[in-house]
Protein backbone atom coordinates (compact mmCIF):
# COMPACT_ATOMS: atom_id res chain seq x y z
CA MET A 1 0.00 0.00 0.00
CA ARG A 2 2.85 2.37 0.74
CA LYS A 3 4.28 1.98 -2.78
CA ILE A 4 0.84 2.53 -4.32
CA SER A 5 0.35 5.70 -2.28
CA ILE A 6 3.69 7.07 -3.42
CA LEU A 7 2.93 6.29 -7.06
CA ILE A 8 -0.47 8.00 -6.91
CA ALA A 9 1.07 11.09 -5.29
CA LEU A 10 3.69 11.32 -8.01
CA ILE A 11 1.14 10.94 -10.80
CA ILE A 12 -0.98 13.71 -9.32
CA GLY A 13 2.11 15.92 -9.09
CA VAL A 14 2.97 15.29 -12.75
CA ILE A 15 -0.57 16.12 -13.90
CA TYR A 16 -0.63 19.44 -12.08
CA GLY A 17 2.94 20.21 -13.12
CA CYS A 18 1.93 19.96 -16.78
CA GLN A 19 -0.86 22.48 -16.21
CA ASN A 20 1.25 25.03 -14.40
CA SER A 21 4.46 26.74 -15.49
CA ASP A 22 5.72 26.64 -11.91
CA LEU A 23 7.15 23.42 -10.52
CA GLU A 24 4.81 21.26 -8.48
CA LEU A 25 5.96 18.88 -5.76
CA ALA A 26 4.43 15.46 -5.25
CA SER A 27 2.01 15.43 -2.36
CA ALA A 28 3.40 14.07 0.90
CA GLU A 29 0.00 13.64 2.53
CA ASN A 30 -0.05 9.84 2.28
CA LEU A 31 3.57 9.27 3.26
CA THR A 32 4.41 7.81 6.66
CA GLY A 33 7.42 6.63 8.64
CA ASP A 34 10.73 6.93 6.86
CA GLU A 35 9.23 7.28 3.37
CA GLN A 36 10.35 10.33 1.39
CA PHE A 37 8.53 12.16 -1.36
CA ILE A 38 10.43 12.87 -4.57
CA PRO A 39 10.10 16.46 -5.87
CA LEU A 40 9.54 16.87 -9.57
CA ARG A 41 12.49 18.48 -11.34
CA GLU A 42 12.85 20.25 -14.66
CA THR A 43 16.08 21.25 -16.39
CA PHE A 44 17.25 24.61 -17.65
CA ASP A 45 19.52 24.47 -20.70
CA PHE A 46 21.52 27.23 -22.36
CA THR A 47 24.55 27.63 -24.63
CA TYR A 48 27.45 30.02 -24.06
CA LYS A 49 30.74 30.21 -25.98
CA GLY A 50 29.72 27.13 -27.94
CA ILE A 51 29.22 25.00 -24.82
CA THR A 52 25.77 23.81 -23.75
CA TYR A 53 25.03 23.78 -20.03
CA SER A 54 22.20 21.96 -18.29
CA SER A 55 21.03 21.90 -14.70
CA PRO A 56 17.99 20.72 -12.76
CA TYR A 57 16.23 23.61 -11.08
CA HIS A 58 13.43 24.44 -8.69
CA MET A 59 11.47 27.60 -8.04
CA GLU A 60 11.34 29.66 -4.87
CA ASN A 61 8.41 32.00 -4.21
CA ASP A 62 7.14 31.16 -7.72
CA THR A 63 9.58 33.65 -9.25
CA LEU A 64 13.17 32.74 -8.37
CA MET A 65 14.76 29.92 -10.35
CA ILE A 66 17.41 28.02 -8.38
CA LEU A 67 19.88 26.02 -10.48
CA GLU A 68 21.00 22.97 -8.55
CA ASP A 69 24.27 22.32 -10.39
CA GLU A 70 26.74 24.64 -8.66
CA GLN A 71 29.07 25.00 -11.65
CA VAL A 72 26.26 25.79 -14.07
CA ALA A 73 24.68 28.15 -11.53
CA SER A 74 27.95 30.06 -11.17
CA ILE A 75 28.31 30.54 -14.94
CA TYR A 76 24.69 31.57 -15.26
CA GLU A 77 24.98 34.13 -12.46
CA GLN A 78 28.05 35.67 -14.08
CA LEU A 79 26.22 35.93 -17.39
CA GLN A 80 23.29 37.71 -15.78
CA GLU A 81 25.61 40.51 -14.63
CA LEU A 82 26.94 41.34 -18.12
CA PRO A 83 25.81 44.93 -18.91
CA GLU A 84 25.20 44.13 -22.61
CA LEU A 85 24.18 40.48 -22.33
CA ALA A 86 22.59 39.32 -25.60
CA THR A 87 20.01 36.55 -25.33
CA TYR A 88 19.32 34.66 -28.56
CA VAL A 89 16.16 32.54 -28.81
CA THR A 90 16.14 30.15 -31.76
CA PRO A 91 12.93 29.32 -33.66
CA GLU A 92 12.99 26.02 -31.73
CA GLY A 93 13.01 27.90 -28.41
CA ASP A 94 16.61 27.10 -27.44
CA ILE A 95 18.57 29.83 -25.64
CA GLU A 96 22.10 31.00 -26.38
CA TYR A 97 23.94 33.80 -24.59
CA PHE A 98 26.52 36.23 -25.97
CA ASP A 99 28.53 38.92 -24.25
CA THR A 100 27.18 41.65 -26.55
CA TYR A 101 24.71 42.16 -29.37
CA ASN A 102 27.58 42.72 -31.83
CA GLU A 103 29.07 39.35 -30.87
CA LEU A 104 25.69 37.70 -31.47
CA GLN A 105 25.43 39.28 -34.92
CA LYS A 106 28.94 38.07 -35.76
CA GLU A 107 28.57 34.53 -34.43
CA LYS A 108 24.94 33.98 -35.44
CA PRO A 109 24.26 36.12 -38.52
CA ALA A 110 20.66 36.41 -39.60
CA ARG A 111 19.80 34.15 -42.49
CA ILE A 112 19.49 35.64 -45.96
CA LYS A 113 16.14 35.49 -47.70
CA ASN A 114 15.84 32.84 -50.40
CA LYS A 115 16.09 34.83 -53.64
CA ALA A 116 14.12 32.12 -55.44
CA LEU A 117 11.03 33.35 -53.59
CA ASN A 118 9.60 36.07 -55.82
CA PHE A 119 6.89 37.16 -53.37
CA THR A 120 7.77 39.08 -50.23
CA PRO A 121 4.68 39.73 -48.11
CA ILE A 122 4.25 42.88 -46.09
CA SER A 123 4.68 41.90 -42.47
CA THR A 124 3.55 43.37 -39.15
CA LEU A 125 5.19 43.41 -35.75
CA THR A 126 2.59 43.88 -33.01
CA ILE A 127 3.61 44.67 -29.45
CA TYR A 128 1.17 44.26 -26.56
CA GLU A 129 0.77 45.77 -23.13
CA HIS A 130 -0.15 42.43 -21.55
CA SER A 131 0.93 38.82 -21.90
CA HIS A 132 -0.86 36.44 -24.28
CA TYR A 133 -1.36 39.27 -26.77
CA ASN A 134 -3.98 41.08 -24.64
CA LEU A 135 -6.38 38.16 -25.11
CA ASP A 136 -6.83 37.68 -21.37
CA LYS A 137 -6.90 41.36 -20.43
CA ALA A 138 -7.73 44.46 -22.45
CA GLY A 139 -4.71 46.63 -23.17
CA ILE A 140 -2.83 48.74 -25.68
CA GLN A 141 -1.35 47.23 -28.82
CA VAL A 142 0.81 48.92 -31.45
CA ASP A 143 1.39 47.68 -35.02
CA TYR A 144 4.54 48.27 -37.06
CA ARG A 145 4.15 47.40 -40.74
CA PHE A 146 7.40 46.64 -42.54
CA TYR A 147 8.60 45.41 -45.93
CA SER A 148 12.27 46.24 -45.34
CA GLU A 149 14.54 46.59 -42.33
CA LEU A 150 13.04 48.67 -39.54
CA LEU A 151 14.89 50.49 -36.74
CA MET A 152 12.92 51.88 -33.80
CA PRO A 153 15.39 53.70 -31.48
CA GLN A 154 12.64 54.75 -29.08
CA ILE A 155 9.29 53.09 -28.39
CA GLU A 156 7.00 55.86 -27.24
CA GLN A 157 3.52 54.53 -26.51
CA LEU A 158 4.60 51.26 -24.89
CA ASP A 159 8.07 52.16 -23.64
CA GLU A 160 8.87 49.68 -20.85
CA LYS A 161 5.29 48.36 -21.02
CA ILE A 162 5.62 45.45 -23.47
CA SER A 163 4.62 42.00 -22.25
CA SER A 164 4.14 40.03 -25.51
CA ALA A 165 4.71 40.35 -29.25
CA ARG A 166 4.02 38.64 -32.55
CA VAL A 167 4.92 38.95 -36.24
CA HIS A 168 2.52 37.98 -39.00
CA SER A 169 2.53 38.35 -42.78
CA ASP A 170 -0.16 39.17 -45.29
CA GLY A 171 0.43 35.94 -47.14
CA LEU A 172 2.72 33.02 -47.89
CA GLY A 173 6.40 33.69 -48.23
CA PHE A 174 9.26 34.60 -45.93
CA PRO A 175 9.33 38.21 -44.69
CA CYS A 176 11.89 40.64 -46.02
CA CYS A 177 13.81 40.27 -42.78
CA SER A 178 14.58 37.33 -40.57
CA ARG A 179 14.98 38.53 -36.98
CA VAL A 180 13.89 41.07 -34.43
CA THR A 181 15.97 42.26 -31.50
CA PHE A 182 14.52 44.08 -28.50
CA PHE A 183 16.74 46.27 -26.33
CA ARG A 184 16.34 47.25 -22.72
CA ASN A 185 17.31 50.90 -23.28
CA MET A 186 16.58 53.43 -25.98
CA HIS A 187 18.86 53.69 -29.04
CA PHE A 188 19.66 49.96 -28.95
CA GLN A 189 21.62 50.06 -25.71
CA ALA A 190 22.19 47.70 -22.75
CA GLN A 191 20.91 44.09 -22.74
CA SER A 192 19.07 42.63 -25.72
CA ILE A 193 16.92 39.65 -26.65
CA THR A 194 16.77 38.38 -30.23
CA PHE A 195 14.21 36.15 -31.94
CA ASP A 196 14.61 34.65 -35.42
CA PHE A 197 11.49 34.35 -37.55
CA HIS A 198 10.41 30.93 -38.76
CA ASP A 199 9.06 30.22 -42.23
CA GLY A 200 5.53 30.78 -41.02
CA ILE A 201 2.59 28.76 -39.78
CA TYR A 202 -1.14 29.28 -40.06
CA ASP A 203 -2.89 30.15 -36.82
CA ALA A 204 -6.46 31.23 -36.11
CA GLU A 205 -5.91 32.29 -32.48
CA PHE A 206 -6.58 35.98 -33.20
CA THR A 207 -9.26 35.59 -35.84
CA LYS A 208 -12.63 33.89 -36.02
CA GLY A 209 -12.03 31.01 -38.38
CA LEU A 210 -9.64 32.88 -40.68
CA ALA A 211 -6.08 31.63 -40.21
CA VAL A 212 -3.24 34.12 -40.49
CA TYR A 213 0.36 33.38 -41.42
CA TYR A 214 2.56 33.88 -38.33
CA ASN A 215 6.34 34.13 -38.27
CA LEU A 216 6.88 34.76 -34.55
CA LYS A 217 5.00 34.59 -31.27
CA VAL A 218 6.36 35.70 -27.89
CA ASN A 219 3.57 34.87 -25.48
CA ASN A 220 5.15 36.36 -22.36
CA PHE A 221 8.43 38.27 -21.99
CA LYS A 222 8.35 37.35 -18.32
CA ASN A 223 9.70 33.94 -19.36
CA TYR A 224 13.10 35.45 -20.25
CA LYS A 225 15.69 36.99 -17.93
CA VAL A 226 17.40 40.34 -18.46
CA LYS A 227 19.69 39.90 -15.46
CA SER A 228 19.57 38.45 -11.97
CA GLY A 229 16.16 39.16 -10.44
CA ILE A 230 14.81 40.97 -13.52
CA ASN A 231 12.88 39.52 -16.47
CA TRP A 232 12.04 41.10 -19.83
CA ASN A 233 8.44 41.97 -18.96
CA ASP A 234 7.99 45.78 -19.13
CA ARG A 235 11.70 46.30 -19.90
CA ILE A 236 11.82 47.03 -23.65
CA SER A 237 12.58 50.54 -24.99
CA SER A 238 13.78 50.00 -28.58
CA PHE A 239 14.02 47.33 -31.29
CA LYS A 240 15.58 46.40 -34.63
CA ILE A 241 14.14 44.29 -37.42
CA LEU A 242 17.04 43.20 -39.64
CA MET A 243 17.99 40.84 -42.42
């Protein structure tokens, strides 16, 4: 019976863990004597200087991520203190860190548009005041239409108020550009976070039955760190859309 109780507790913990972005611990209610509950663990992976690091982690106070591998934790903490830390998020969601934005551009140049594609759709970057593209809570949104590179040295209406963003195109075809970089300060200064566009997928989340061609979705900037103790939610003041 003891083994069955432990198994049930773990299954319940897994189910709730899948429904919540925060880590859930298996219930210890049915455990007795010298039995121990096993906390669920996830891993945080990132690449720096060509080396991929991985560590189990747990959350404290629902906001503070604690890396359990001391060596990985030390490297990560040092990265978070870099004044121009560049975070690169691949289309697959993997994270790579670079000392500066210029280093990122050198080591991971944006891909060049396929010249065989004759049609280049006009694309739109939309920034939102709230997470999940204002779908859960009414808020301000601002659209930036672009068909070539676009530099925005100062975001006025939503300066330091951006919580999510998306890029969509008017039709099939890869946009003129291939990546967007958001900066913490005006005029492309301080830390940055870069997202590469993917080739596009149809999605009807924002329309009633009419699918739109999306090249990027950032559901919540809170999921990405600027530095120790600070995430990207409400931290963006400028951006670049480049080849």
